[in-house]
Amino acid sequence: MVFKRLLGSLGVGGPTVDTVLDPGAARPGGALTGQVHLEGGQADFDVEHLALELVARVEAEHAEGESEGVVAFERFTVGGGFRLAAGQRHSVPFSVTLPWETPVTELHGQQLGIDLGVRTELAVAGAKDKGDLDPLGIAPLPVQEAILEAFGQLGFGFRSADLEYGHIAGTGQRLPFYQEIELTPAPQYAQQVDEIEVTFLAGPGGIEVVLEADKRGGLFFGGHDALTRFTVGHHDTRDWNAEVDTWVRQLTEHRAAYGHQPVVHGHGAPYAVHDHHDHGGERRSGPGVGTAVAAGAAGLAVGVVGGMVAAEVVDEVGDFFEGDEEEGEG
């Protein structure tokens, strides 16, 4: 889907811009390719620069509760330094490399409810306008997919996914937010945990897998969260069912082998410290446009998609980001 609109800050008769991404989902650390199509307005314009900005809808926890906002997490200059004549059509192809920590938006084509977009900025005649926004689809890396499939094979189900503003202490995280994929417990763990959250922090050398379990409380012990992490290579060929089962057992049987350290949300006030060890059973809610996937033994990607279908999710993404931009321009 392409959102084409007049570059308002340039006035009536200014150029228009369309960014068209190549078909198919991209992958973290991989190439994002496409073309930016420009059409000249009623006069000639000198194009100073043409840039792409990756944006995400992110949740933030703070003293007053939770809020949502748009975070730009990468920017690429893909062209500029040319003259666009009146009425002229001009296309600029691009190929840029996505950050390794780019969140996953889909699994085998099923949407996870994560809102990512590519926003286009055109600067001409000393004025800048962010005039085009397109939904961005990201498929998991092979090892990420293998780990999620293993959770599904073990009986875990997909509950929701969201992006949390902040940094997981003790990790190599680079982006200002991280993705949480929330899973319902497998039957064999249902008496021990309410849910497990999976975070992938990918890099060129491999992936940090951070697991958090919201543990059930007993008669004499209150519930608490346990947090642990593991490192895997991009080309590891393990028995992932056995590996993931071992991870979960370590997570549930031992109290947070890693991480009596807090997760710091934000880079200072007004964001608060989110401690992983005493929530009184409260959990963060998923995003408003989540997709419920009832996943069974065949893996997380197999099941019934409830709520919004993929096309409706894409419409919601477009409406959200375009509405955000319009508010900013006012």
C-alpha atoms as a PDB file:
ATOM      1  CA  MET A   1       0.000   0.000   0.000  1.00  0.00           C
ATOM      2  CA  VAL A   2       1.303   3.428  -0.954  1.00  0.00           C
ATOM      3  CA  PHE A   3       0.182   6.683   0.620  1.00  0.00           C
ATOM      4  CA  LYS A   4       0.578   9.497  -1.889  1.00  0.00           C
ATOM      5  CA  ARG A   5       0.009  13.046  -0.817  1.00  0.00           C
ATOM      6  CA  LEU A   6       0.861  16.588  -1.802  1.00  0.00           C
ATOM      7  CA  LEU A   7       3.895  18.023  -0.121  1.00  0.00           C
ATOM      8  CA  GLY A   8       1.975  20.569   1.901  1.00  0.00           C
ATOM      9  CA  SER A   9       4.885  22.665   3.107  1.00  0.00           C
ATOM     10  CA  LEU A  10       5.821  23.399  -0.505  1.00  0.00           C
ATOM     11  CA  GLY A  11       2.393  24.810  -1.276  1.00  0.00           C
ATOM     12  CA  VAL A  12      -0.086  24.081  -4.033  1.00  0.00           C
ATOM     13  CA  GLY A  13       1.664  22.976  -7.184  1.00  0.00           C
ATOM     14  CA  GLY A  14       4.566  21.353  -5.394  1.00  0.00           C
ATOM     15  CA  PRO A  15       5.953  17.923  -6.321  1.00  0.00           C
ATOM     16  CA  THR A  16       4.485  14.626  -5.142  1.00  0.00           C
ATOM     17  CA  VAL A  17       6.317  11.546  -3.924  1.00  0.00           C
ATOM     18  CA  ASP A  18       5.523   7.834  -3.916  1.00  0.00           C
ATOM     19  CA  THR A  19       7.768   5.266  -2.243  1.00  0.00           C
ATOM     20  CA  VAL A  20       7.182   1.735  -3.489  1.00  0.00           C
ATOM     21  CA  LEU A  21       8.870  -1.090  -1.590  1.00  0.00           C
ATOM     22  CA  ASP A  22       9.752  -4.255  -3.469  1.00  0.00           C
ATOM     23  CA  PRO A  23       7.301  -7.108  -2.782  1.00  0.00           C
ATOM     24  CA  GLY A  24       7.860  -9.499   0.088  1.00  0.00           C
ATOM     25  CA  ALA A  25       8.947  -9.121   3.674  1.00  0.00           C
ATOM     26  CA  ALA A  26      12.497  -8.034   4.432  1.00  0.00           C
ATOM     27  CA  ARG A  27      14.588  -9.519   7.263  1.00  0.00           C
ATOM     28  CA  PRO A  28      16.566  -7.959  10.102  1.00  0.00           C
ATOM     29  CA  GLY A  29      20.071  -7.060   8.946  1.00  0.00           C
ATOM     30  CA  GLY A  30      19.030  -7.588   5.326  1.00  0.00           C
ATOM     31  CA  ALA A  31      18.351  -5.320   2.395  1.00  0.00           C
ATOM     32  CA  LEU A  32      15.294  -3.140   2.002  1.00  0.00           C
ATOM     33  CA  THR A  33      14.822  -2.282  -1.649  1.00  0.00           C
ATOM     34  CA  GLY A  34      12.408  -0.269  -3.750  1.00  0.00           C
ATOM     35  CA  GLN A  35      12.012   2.978  -5.629  1.00  0.00           C
ATOM     36  CA  VAL A  36      11.002   6.521  -4.796  1.00  0.00           C
ATOM     37  CA  HIS A  37       8.858   7.983  -7.589  1.00  0.00           C
ATOM     38  CA  LEU A  38       8.766  11.761  -7.882  1.00  0.00           C
ATOM     39  CA  GLU A  39       6.505  13.875 -10.006  1.00  0.00           C
ATOM     40  CA  GLY A  40       7.308  17.529 -10.569  1.00  0.00           C
ATOM     41  CA  GLY A  41       4.833  20.253  -9.697  1.00  0.00           C
ATOM     42  CA  GLN A  42       3.977  23.470 -11.486  1.00  0.00           C
ATOM     43  CA  ALA A  43       7.524  24.818 -11.290  1.00  0.00           C
ATOM     44  CA  ASP A  44      11.091  23.514 -11.308  1.00  0.00           C
ATOM     45  CA  PHE A  45      12.552  22.452  -7.967  1.00  0.00           C
ATOM     46  CA  ASP A  46      16.072  21.627  -6.855  1.00  0.00           C
ATOM     47  CA  VAL A  47      15.948  18.409  -4.801  1.00  0.00           C
ATOM     48  CA  GLU A  48      18.432  18.870  -1.976  1.00  0.00           C
ATOM     49  CA  HIS A  49      17.989  15.416  -0.474  1.00  0.00           C
ATOM     50  CA  LEU A  50      15.690  12.433  -0.452  1.00  0.00           C
ATOM     51  CA  ALA A  51      15.673  10.394   2.755  1.00  0.00           C
ATOM     52  CA  LEU A  52      13.967   7.322   4.187  1.00  0.00           C
ATOM     53  CA  GLU A  53      13.219   7.038   7.889  1.00  0.00           C
ATOM     54  CA  LEU A  54      12.219   3.841   9.679  1.00  0.00           C
ATOM     55  CA  VAL A  55       9.551   4.438  12.315  1.00  0.00           C
ATOM     56  CA  ALA A  56       7.779   2.233  14.849  1.00  0.00           C
ATOM     57  CA  ARG A  57       4.865   2.546  17.228  1.00  0.00           C
ATOM     58  CA  VAL A  58       6.300   1.967  20.686  1.00  0.00           C
ATOM     59  CA  GLU A  59       4.844   1.674  24.184  1.00  0.00           C
ATOM     60  CA  ALA A  60       6.472   3.421  27.135  1.00  0.00           C
ATOM     61  CA  GLU A  61       5.983   2.860  30.859  1.00  0.00           C
ATOM     62  CA  HIS A  62       6.371   5.822  33.184  1.00  0.00           C
ATOM     63  CA  ALA A  63       5.203   7.099  36.535  1.00  0.00           C
ATOM     64  CA  GLU A  64       1.764   8.088  35.198  1.00  0.00           C
ATOM     65  CA  GLY A  65       1.156   4.726  33.499  1.00  0.00           C
ATOM     66  CA  GLU A  66       1.631   3.778  29.847  1.00  0.00           C
ATOM     67  CA  SER A  67       1.667   5.787  26.649  1.00  0.00           C
ATOM     68  CA  GLU A  68       2.332   5.182  22.957  1.00  0.00           C
ATOM     69  CA  GLY A  69       4.287   7.150  20.425  1.00  0.00           C
ATOM     70  CA  VAL A  70       6.198   6.972  17.158  1.00  0.00           C
ATOM     71  CA  VAL A  71       9.951   6.427  17.355  1.00  0.00           C
ATOM     72  CA  ALA A  72      12.281   6.901  14.382  1.00  0.00           C
ATOM     73  CA  PHE A  73      15.037   4.328  14.682  1.00  0.00           C
ATOM     74  CA  GLU A  74      17.035   4.603  11.444  1.00  0.00           C
ATOM     75  CA  ARG A  75      17.516   7.083   8.623  1.00  0.00           C
ATOM     76  CA  PHE A  76      19.006   6.748   5.148  1.00  0.00           C
ATOM     77  CA  THR A  77      19.762   9.398   2.531  1.00  0.00           C
ATOM     78  CA  VAL A  78      18.988   7.768  -0.819  1.00  0.00           C
ATOM     79  CA  GLY A  79      19.282  10.645  -3.263  1.00  0.00           C
ATOM     80  CA  GLY A  80      19.468  14.363  -3.884  1.00  0.00           C
ATOM     81  CA  GLY A  81      21.435  17.011  -5.713  1.00  0.00           C
ATOM     82  CA  PHE A  82      19.309  17.100  -8.868  1.00  0.00           C
ATOM     83  CA  ARG A  83      16.732  19.342 -10.484  1.00  0.00           C
ATOM     84  CA  LEU A  84      13.129  18.170 -10.844  1.00  0.00           C
ATOM     85  CA  ALA A  85      11.516  20.023 -13.735  1.00  0.00           C
ATOM     86  CA  ALA A  86       7.852  20.999 -13.739  1.00  0.00           C
ATOM     87  CA  GLY A  87       5.737  17.923 -14.456  1.00  0.00           C
ATOM     88  CA  GLN A  88       8.801  15.692 -14.757  1.00  0.00           C
ATOM     89  CA  ARG A  89       8.651  12.106 -13.500  1.00  0.00           C
ATOM     90  CA  HIS A  90      11.785  10.776 -11.906  1.00  0.00           C
ATOM     91  CA  SER A  91      12.483   7.527 -10.020  1.00  0.00           C
ATOM     92  CA  VAL A  92      15.237   6.884  -7.500  1.00  0.00           C
ATOM     93  CA  PRO A  93      15.978   3.211  -6.795  1.00  0.00           C
ATOM     94  CA  PHE A  94      17.353   2.345  -3.373  1.00  0.00           C
ATOM     95  CA  SER A  95      18.823  -0.538  -1.429  1.00  0.00           C
ATOM     96  CA  VAL A  96      19.521   0.037   2.265  1.00  0.00           C
ATOM     97  CA  THR A  97      20.537  -2.301   5.065  1.00  0.00           C
ATOM     98  CA  LEU A  98      18.073  -2.721   7.922  1.00  0.00           C
ATOM     99  CA  PRO A  99      19.272  -2.679  11.525  1.00  0.00           C
ATOM    100  CA  TRP A 100      19.798  -6.156  12.960  1.00  0.00           C
ATOM    101  CA  GLU A 101      17.349  -5.411  15.770  1.00  0.00           C
ATOM    102  CA  THR A 102      14.512  -4.428  13.420  1.00  0.00           C
ATOM    103  CA  PRO A 103      11.376  -5.976  14.962  1.00  0.00           C
ATOM    104  CA  VAL A 104       9.619  -8.922  13.362  1.00  0.00           C
ATOM    105  CA  THR A 105       6.112  -8.101  12.121  1.00  0.00           C
ATOM    106  CA  GLU A 106       5.004 -11.471  10.749  1.00  0.00           C
ATOM    107  CA  LEU A 107       5.532 -15.194  11.042  1.00  0.00           C
ATOM    108  CA  HIS A 108       4.800 -17.253   7.926  1.00  0.00           C
ATOM    109  CA  GLY A 109       2.668 -14.385   6.648  1.00  0.00           C
ATOM    110  CA  GLN A 110       0.578 -14.062   9.810  1.00  0.00           C
ATOM    111  CA  GLN A 111       0.701 -10.579  11.305  1.00  0.00           C
ATOM    112  CA  LEU A 112       1.941 -10.145  14.875  1.00  0.00           C
ATOM    113  CA  GLY A 113       0.421  -6.698  15.446  1.00  0.00           C
ATOM    114  CA  ILE A 114       3.668  -4.710  15.245  1.00  0.00           C
ATOM    115  CA  ASP A 115       3.455  -1.326  13.498  1.00  0.00           C
ATOM    116  CA  LEU A 116       6.509  -0.393  11.419  1.00  0.00           C
ATOM    117  CA  GLY A 117       6.714   2.064   8.574  1.00  0.00           C
ATOM    118  CA  VAL A 118       9.053   3.701   6.066  1.00  0.00           C
ATOM    119  CA  ARG A 119       8.608   7.459   5.947  1.00  0.00           C
ATOM    120  CA  THR A 120       9.949   9.458   3.001  1.00  0.00           C
ATOM    121  CA  GLU A 121      11.352  12.958   3.342  1.00  0.00           C
ATOM    122  CA  LEU A 122      11.884  15.228   0.364  1.00  0.00           C
ATOM    123  CA  ALA A 123      13.817  18.480   0.806  1.00  0.00           C
ATOM    124  CA  VAL A 124      13.514  21.075  -1.942  1.00  0.00           C
ATOM    125  CA  ALA A 125      14.022  24.825  -2.043  1.00  0.00           C
ATOM    126  CA  GLY A 126      14.951  24.988   1.613  1.00  0.00           C
ATOM    127  CA  ALA A 127      11.723  23.249   2.725  1.00  0.00           C
ATOM    128  CA  LYS A 128      11.298  19.679   3.970  1.00  0.00           C
ATOM    129  CA  ASP A 129       8.208  17.524   3.916  1.00  0.00           C
ATOM    130  CA  LYS A 130       7.681  13.961   5.087  1.00  0.00           C
ATOM    131  CA  GLY A 131       5.237  13.168   2.350  1.00  0.00           C
ATOM    132  CA  ASP A 132       4.958   9.403   2.050  1.00  0.00           C
ATOM    133  CA  LEU A 133       4.580   6.546   4.503  1.00  0.00           C
ATOM    134  CA  ASP A 134       4.464   2.837   3.776  1.00  0.00           C
ATOM    135  CA  PRO A 135       3.941  -0.148   6.091  1.00  0.00           C
ATOM    136  CA  LEU A 136       7.068  -2.242   6.503  1.00  0.00           C
ATOM    137  CA  GLY A 137       6.879  -6.034   6.744  1.00  0.00           C
ATOM    138  CA  ILE A 138       9.706  -7.924   8.479  1.00  0.00           C
ATOM    139  CA  ALA A 139      10.016 -11.709   8.543  1.00  0.00           C
ATOM    140  CA  PRO A 140      12.146 -13.457  11.188  1.00  0.00           C
ATOM    141  CA  LEU A 141      15.697 -14.612  10.643  1.00  0.00           C
ATOM    142  CA  PRO A 142      15.966 -18.398  10.189  1.00  0.00           C
ATOM    143  CA  VAL A 143      17.196 -19.011  13.732  1.00  0.00           C
ATOM    144  CA  GLN A 144      14.487 -16.752  15.177  1.00  0.00           C
ATOM    145  CA  GLU A 145      11.890 -18.710  13.238  1.00  0.00           C
ATOM    146  CA  ALA A 146      13.374 -22.033  14.387  1.00  0.00           C
ATOM    147  CA  ILE A 147      13.201 -20.966  18.040  1.00  0.00           C
ATOM    148  CA  LEU A 148       9.607 -19.770  17.736  1.00  0.00           C
ATOM    149  CA  GLU A 149       8.660 -22.995  15.971  1.00  0.00           C
ATOM    150  CA  ALA A 150      10.239 -24.946  18.814  1.00  0.00           C
ATOM    151  CA  PHE A 151       8.099 -23.078  21.335  1.00  0.00           C
ATOM    152  CA  GLY A 152       5.076 -24.011  19.250  1.00  0.00           C
ATOM    153  CA  GLN A 153       6.125 -27.656  19.044  1.00  0.00           C
ATOM    154  CA  LEU A 154       6.423 -27.709  22.834  1.00  0.00           C
ATOM    155  CA  GLY A 155       2.848 -26.476  23.183  1.00  0.00           C
ATOM    156  CA  PHE A 156       3.302 -22.736  23.721  1.00  0.00           C
ATOM    157  CA  GLY A 157       0.875 -20.412  21.929  1.00  0.00           C
ATOM    158  CA  PHE A 158       1.129 -16.877  20.604  1.00  0.00           C
ATOM    159  CA  ARG A 159      -0.628 -14.273  22.759  1.00  0.00           C
ATOM    160  CA  SER A 160       0.565 -10.892  21.485  1.00  0.00           C
ATOM    161  CA  ALA A 161       3.621  -8.837  20.561  1.00  0.00           C
ATOM    162  CA  ASP A 162       4.611  -5.264  21.290  1.00  0.00           C
ATOM    163  CA  LEU A 163       7.515  -2.842  21.283  1.00  0.00           C
ATOM    164  CA  GLU A 164       8.701  -1.478  24.624  1.00  0.00           C
ATOM    165  CA  TYR A 165      10.670   1.747  24.942  1.00  0.00           C
ATOM    166  CA  GLY A 166      13.815   1.249  27.023  1.00  0.00           C
ATOM    167  CA  HIS A 167      16.919  -0.878  27.331  1.00  0.00           C
ATOM    168  CA  ILE A 168      17.432  -4.385  28.708  1.00  0.00           C
ATOM    169  CA  ALA A 169      20.343  -4.011  31.103  1.00  0.00           C
ATOM    170  CA  GLY A 170      23.369  -6.208  30.508  1.00  0.00           C
ATOM    171  CA  THR A 171      22.659  -6.829  26.828  1.00  0.00           C
ATOM    172  CA  GLY A 172      24.145  -5.474  23.627  1.00  0.00           C
ATOM    173  CA  GLN A 173      20.878  -3.780  22.659  1.00  0.00           C
ATOM    174  CA  ARG A 174      21.341  -0.861  20.269  1.00  0.00           C
ATOM    175  CA  LEU A 175      17.862   0.410  19.393  1.00  0.00           C
ATOM    176  CA  PRO A 176      15.962   2.592  21.887  1.00  0.00           C
ATOM    177  CA  PHE A 177      13.258  -0.078  22.212  1.00  0.00           C
ATOM    178  CA  TYR A 178      12.945  -3.860  22.171  1.00  0.00           C
ATOM    179  CA  GLN A 179      10.319  -6.324  20.987  1.00  0.00           C
ATOM    180  CA  GLU A 180       8.472  -8.679  23.309  1.00  0.00           C
ATOM    181  CA  ILE A 181       6.680 -11.724  21.872  1.00  0.00           C
ATOM    182  CA  GLU A 182       4.299 -12.959  24.551  1.00  0.00           C
ATOM    183  CA  LEU A 183       3.482 -16.676  24.655  1.00  0.00           C
ATOM    184  CA  THR A 184       0.871 -18.623  26.570  1.00  0.00           C
ATOM    185  CA  PRO A 185       2.417 -21.469  28.579  1.00  0.00           C
ATOM    186  CA  ALA A 186       2.584 -25.048  27.361  1.00  0.00           C
ATOM    187  CA  PRO A 187       0.439 -27.435  29.450  1.00  0.00           C
ATOM    188  CA  GLN A 188       3.488 -28.848  31.239  1.00  0.00           C
ATOM    189  CA  TYR A 189       4.377 -25.349  32.491  1.00  0.00           C
ATOM    190  CA  ALA A 190       0.872 -23.959  33.049  1.00  0.00           C
ATOM    191  CA  GLN A 191       1.105 -24.430  36.830  1.00  0.00           C
ATOM    192  CA  GLN A 192       4.415 -22.571  36.993  1.00  0.00           C
ATOM    193  CA  VAL A 193       4.070 -19.569  34.676  1.00  0.00           C
ATOM    194  CA  ASP A 194       1.328 -17.293  33.383  1.00  0.00           C
ATOM    195  CA  GLU A 195       3.244 -16.429  30.227  1.00  0.00           C
ATOM    196  CA  ILE A 196       6.711 -16.288  28.705  1.00  0.00           C
ATOM    197  CA  GLU A 197       8.041 -13.280  26.808  1.00  0.00           C
ATOM    198  CA  VAL A 198      10.699 -13.746  24.129  1.00  0.00           C
ATOM    199  CA  THR A 199      12.994 -10.928  22.983  1.00  0.00           C
ATOM    200  CA  PHE A 200      15.494 -11.313  20.150  1.00  0.00           C
ATOM    201  CA  LEU A 201      18.472  -8.933  20.053  1.00  0.00           C
ATOM    202  CA  ALA A 202      20.176  -9.767  16.781  1.00  0.00           C
ATOM    203  CA  GLY A 203      23.608  -8.628  15.653  1.00  0.00           C
ATOM    204  CA  PRO A 204      26.055  -9.557  12.906  1.00  0.00           C
ATOM    205  CA  GLY A 205      27.671 -12.227  15.110  1.00  0.00           C
ATOM    206  CA  GLY A 206      24.532 -13.901  16.436  1.00  0.00           C
ATOM    207  CA  ILE A 207      21.416 -13.361  18.533  1.00  0.00           C
ATOM    208  CA  GLU A 208      20.818 -12.780  22.221  1.00  0.00           C
ATOM    209  CA  VAL A 209      17.596 -14.527  23.237  1.00  0.00           C
ATOM    210  CA  VAL A 210      16.115 -12.951  26.355  1.00  0.00           C
ATOM    211  CA  LEU A 211      13.364 -14.923  28.103  1.00  0.00           C
ATOM    212  CA  GLU A 212      11.119 -13.559  30.810  1.00  0.00           C
ATOM    213  CA  ALA A 213       8.614 -15.702  32.722  1.00  0.00           C
ATOM    214  CA  ASP A 214       5.749 -14.259  34.684  1.00  0.00           C
ATOM    215  CA  LYS A 215       5.770 -16.875  37.441  1.00  0.00           C
ATOM    216  CA  ARG A 216       2.687 -17.949  39.331  1.00  0.00           C
ATOM    217  CA  GLY A 217       2.564 -17.328  43.069  1.00  0.00           C
ATOM    218  CA  GLY A 218       1.749 -20.024  45.594  1.00  0.00           C
ATOM    219  CA  LEU A 219       0.069 -20.020  48.996  1.00  0.00           C
ATOM    220  CA  PHE A 220       3.143 -18.630  50.754  1.00  0.00           C
ATOM    221  CA  PHE A 221       5.076 -17.085  47.857  1.00  0.00           C
ATOM    222  CA  GLY A 222       3.991 -14.171  45.709  1.00  0.00           C
ATOM    223  CA  GLY A 223       4.339 -14.286  41.953  1.00  0.00           C
ATOM    224  CA  HIS A 224       7.426 -12.714  40.407  1.00  0.00           C
ATOM    225  CA  ASP A 225       9.214 -12.463  37.090  1.00  0.00           C
ATOM    226  CA  ALA A 226      12.324 -14.416  36.179  1.00  0.00           C
ATOM    227  CA  LEU A 227      14.651 -13.269  33.433  1.00  0.00           C
ATOM    228  CA  THR A 228      17.431 -15.120  31.669  1.00  0.00           C
ATOM    229  CA  ARG A 229      19.254 -14.955  28.343  1.00  0.00           C
ATOM    230  CA  PHE A 230      21.086 -17.190  25.913  1.00  0.00           C
ATOM    231  CA  THR A 231      23.276 -16.547  22.860  1.00  0.00           C
ATOM    232  CA  VAL A 232      22.902 -18.431  19.579  1.00  0.00           C
ATOM    233  CA  GLY A 233      24.644 -18.209  16.217  1.00  0.00           C
ATOM    234  CA  HIS A 234      22.899 -17.348  12.974  1.00  0.00           C
ATOM    235  CA  HIS A 235      23.767 -20.747  11.536  1.00  0.00           C
ATOM    236  CA  ASP A 236      23.387 -22.925  14.625  1.00  0.00           C
ATOM    237  CA  THR A 237      21.808 -26.310  13.899  1.00  0.00           C
ATOM    238  CA  ARG A 238      20.678 -27.533  17.299  1.00  0.00           C
ATOM    239  CA  ASP A 239      17.804 -29.707  18.387  1.00  0.00           C
ATOM    240  CA  TRP A 240      15.758 -26.597  19.022  1.00  0.00           C
ATOM    241  CA  ASN A 241      12.894 -28.394  20.750  1.00  0.00           C
ATOM    242  CA  ALA A 242      15.293 -29.834  23.326  1.00  0.00           C
ATOM    243  CA  GLU A 243      17.240 -26.567  23.556  1.00  0.00           C
ATOM    244  CA  VAL A 244      14.177 -24.406  24.147  1.00  0.00           C
ATOM    245  CA  ASP A 245      12.765 -26.896  26.644  1.00  0.00           C
ATOM    246  CA  THR A 246      16.034 -26.686  28.568  1.00  0.00           C
ATOM    247  CA  TRP A 247      15.873 -22.893  28.517  1.00  0.00           C
ATOM    248  CA  VAL A 248      12.340 -22.860  29.879  1.00  0.00           C
ATOM    249  CA  ARG A 249      13.187 -25.370  32.602  1.00  0.00           C
ATOM    250  CA  GLN A 250      16.136 -23.248  33.675  1.00  0.00           C
ATOM    251  CA  LEU A 251      13.943 -20.175  33.646  1.00  0.00           C
ATOM    252  CA  THR A 252      11.175 -21.693  35.748  1.00  0.00           C
ATOM    253  CA  GLU A 253      13.262 -23.821  38.112  1.00  0.00           C
ATOM    254  CA  HIS A 254      15.921 -21.261  38.968  1.00  0.00           C
ATOM    255  CA  ARG A 255      15.245 -17.679  39.935  1.00  0.00           C
ATOM    256  CA  ALA A 256      16.575 -15.456  37.191  1.00  0.00           C
ATOM    257  CA  ALA A 257      19.986 -16.937  36.492  1.00  0.00           C
ATOM    258  CA  TYR A 258      20.556 -13.611  34.726  1.00  0.00           C
ATOM    259  CA  GLY A 259      19.206 -10.287  35.611  1.00  0.00           C
ATOM    260  CA  HIS A 260      18.508  -9.181  39.099  1.00  0.00           C
ATOM    261  CA  GLN A 261      19.197  -6.036  37.095  1.00  0.00           C
ATOM    262  CA  PRO A 262      16.309  -3.778  36.106  1.00  0.00           C
ATOM    263  CA  VAL A 263      15.212  -2.896  32.614  1.00  0.00           C
ATOM    264  CA  VAL A 264      15.477   0.859  32.298  1.00  0.00           C
ATOM    265  CA  HIS A 265      12.709   2.356  30.187  1.00  0.00           C
ATOM    266  CA  GLY A 266      13.893   5.505  28.480  1.00  0.00           C
ATOM    267  CA  HIS A 267      17.062   7.487  28.930  1.00  0.00           C
ATOM    268  CA  GLY A 268      16.067   9.338  32.081  1.00  0.00           C
ATOM    269  CA  ALA A 269      12.994  11.116  33.442  1.00  0.00           C
ATOM    270  CA  PRO A 270      10.072  10.779  33.111  1.00  0.00           C
ATOM    271  CA  TYR A 271      10.551   7.059  32.409  1.00  0.00           C
ATOM    272  CA  ALA A 272      10.739   4.726  35.374  1.00  0.00           C
ATOM    273  CA  VAL A 273      12.723   1.595  36.138  1.00  0.00           C
ATOM    274  CA  HIS A 274      10.858  -1.598  35.325  1.00  0.00           C
ATOM    275  CA  ASP A 275      11.992  -4.254  37.829  1.00  0.00           C
ATOM    276  CA  HIS A 276      11.620  -7.848  36.715  1.00  0.00           C
ATOM    277  CA  HIS A 277      11.034  -9.282  40.179  1.00  0.00           C
ATOM    278  CA  ASP A 278       7.947  -7.802  41.795  1.00  0.00           C
ATOM    279  CA  HIS A 279       4.925  -6.863  39.712  1.00  0.00           C
ATOM    280  CA  GLY A 280       2.230  -8.316  41.913  1.00  0.00           C
ATOM    281  CA  GLY A 281       1.031 -10.316  38.930  1.00  0.00           C
ATOM    282  CA  GLU A 282       0.403  -7.327  36.653  1.00  0.00           C
ATOM    283  CA  ARG A 283       1.416  -7.661  33.011  1.00  0.00           C
ATOM    284  CA  ARG A 284       1.674  -5.109  30.250  1.00  0.00           C
ATOM    285  CA  SER A 285      -1.109  -5.242  27.730  1.00  0.00           C
ATOM    286  CA  GLY A 286      -0.511  -5.951  24.055  1.00  0.00           C
ATOM    287  CA  PRO A 287      -0.906  -3.432  21.222  1.00  0.00           C
ATOM    288  CA  GLY A 288      -4.306  -2.302  20.051  1.00  0.00           C
ATOM    289  CA  VAL A 289      -4.031  -4.016  16.686  1.00  0.00           C
ATOM    290  CA  GLY A 290      -2.817  -7.379  17.895  1.00  0.00           C
ATOM    291  CA  THR A 291      -3.493 -10.643  16.090  1.00  0.00           C
ATOM    292  CA  ALA A 292      -4.461 -13.670  18.145  1.00  0.00           C
ATOM    293  CA  VAL A 293      -2.906 -16.883  16.833  1.00  0.00           C
ATOM    294  CA  ALA A 294      -4.060 -20.129  18.415  1.00  0.00           C
ATOM    295  CA  ALA A 295      -0.920 -22.177  17.927  1.00  0.00           C
ATOM    296  CA  GLY A 296      -0.606 -25.863  18.731  1.00  0.00           C
ATOM    297  CA  ALA A 297       1.895 -28.664  18.342  1.00  0.00           C
ATOM    298  CA  ALA A 298       2.432 -27.830  14.684  1.00  0.00           C
ATOM    299  CA  GLY A 299       4.212 -24.592  15.651  1.00  0.00           C
ATOM    300  CA  LEU A 300       3.381 -20.975  16.376  1.00  0.00           C
ATOM    301  CA  ALA A 301       2.796 -20.215  12.721  1.00  0.00           C
ATOM    302  CA  VAL A 302      -0.009 -22.779  12.405  1.00  0.00           C
ATOM    303  CA  GLY A 303      -3.393 -21.936  13.850  1.00  0.00           C
ATOM    304  CA  VAL A 304      -6.419 -19.707  13.617  1.00  0.00           C
ATOM    305  CA  VAL A 305      -5.971 -15.982  13.124  1.00  0.00           C
ATOM    306  CA  GLY A 306      -8.500 -14.037  15.202  1.00  0.00           C
ATOM    307  CA  GLY A 307      -9.328 -10.360  15.221  1.00  0.00           C
ATOM    308  CA  MET A 308      -8.007  -8.396  12.275  1.00  0.00           C
ATOM    309  CA  VAL A 309      -6.891 -10.105   9.108  1.00  0.00           C
ATOM    310  CA  ALA A 310      -3.620  -9.079   7.543  1.00  0.00           C
ATOM    311  CA  ALA A 311      -5.132  -6.476   5.219  1.00  0.00           C
ATOM    312  CA  GLU A 312      -6.980  -4.793   8.067  1.00  0.00           C
ATOM    313  CA  VAL A 313      -3.797  -4.668  10.118  1.00  0.00           C
ATOM    314  CA  VAL A 314      -2.022  -2.924   7.238  1.00  0.00           C
ATOM    315  CA  ASP A 315      -4.861  -0.391   6.985  1.00  0.00           C
ATOM    316  CA  GLU A 316      -4.567   0.290  10.700  1.00  0.00           C
ATOM    317  CA  VAL A 317      -0.822   0.820  10.379  1.00  0.00           C
ATOM    318  CA  GLY A 318      -1.356   3.337   7.604  1.00  0.00           C
ATOM    319  CA  ASP A 319      -4.100   5.162   9.462  1.00  0.00           C
ATOM    320  CA  PHE A 320      -1.992   5.335  12.618  1.00  0.00           C
ATOM    321  CA  PHE A 321       1.146   6.730  11.047  1.00  0.00           C
ATOM    322  CA  GLU A 322      -0.615   9.055   8.626  1.00  0.00           C
ATOM    323  CA  GLY A 323      -2.715  10.431  11.484  1.00  0.00           C
ATOM    324  CA  ASP A 324       0.436  10.992  13.521  1.00  0.00           C
ATOM    325  CA  GLU A 325       2.032  12.953  10.729  1.00  0.00           C
ATOM    326  CA  GLU A 326      -1.032  15.121  10.191  1.00  0.00           C
ATOM    327  CA  GLU A 327      -1.113  15.985  13.883  1.00  0.00           C
ATOM    328  CA  GLY A 328       2.564  16.926  13.753  1.00  0.00           C
ATOM    329  CA  GLU A 329       2.024  19.230  10.795  1.00  0.00           C
ATOM    330  CA  GLY A 330      -0.726  21.147  12.524  1.00  0.00           C
END
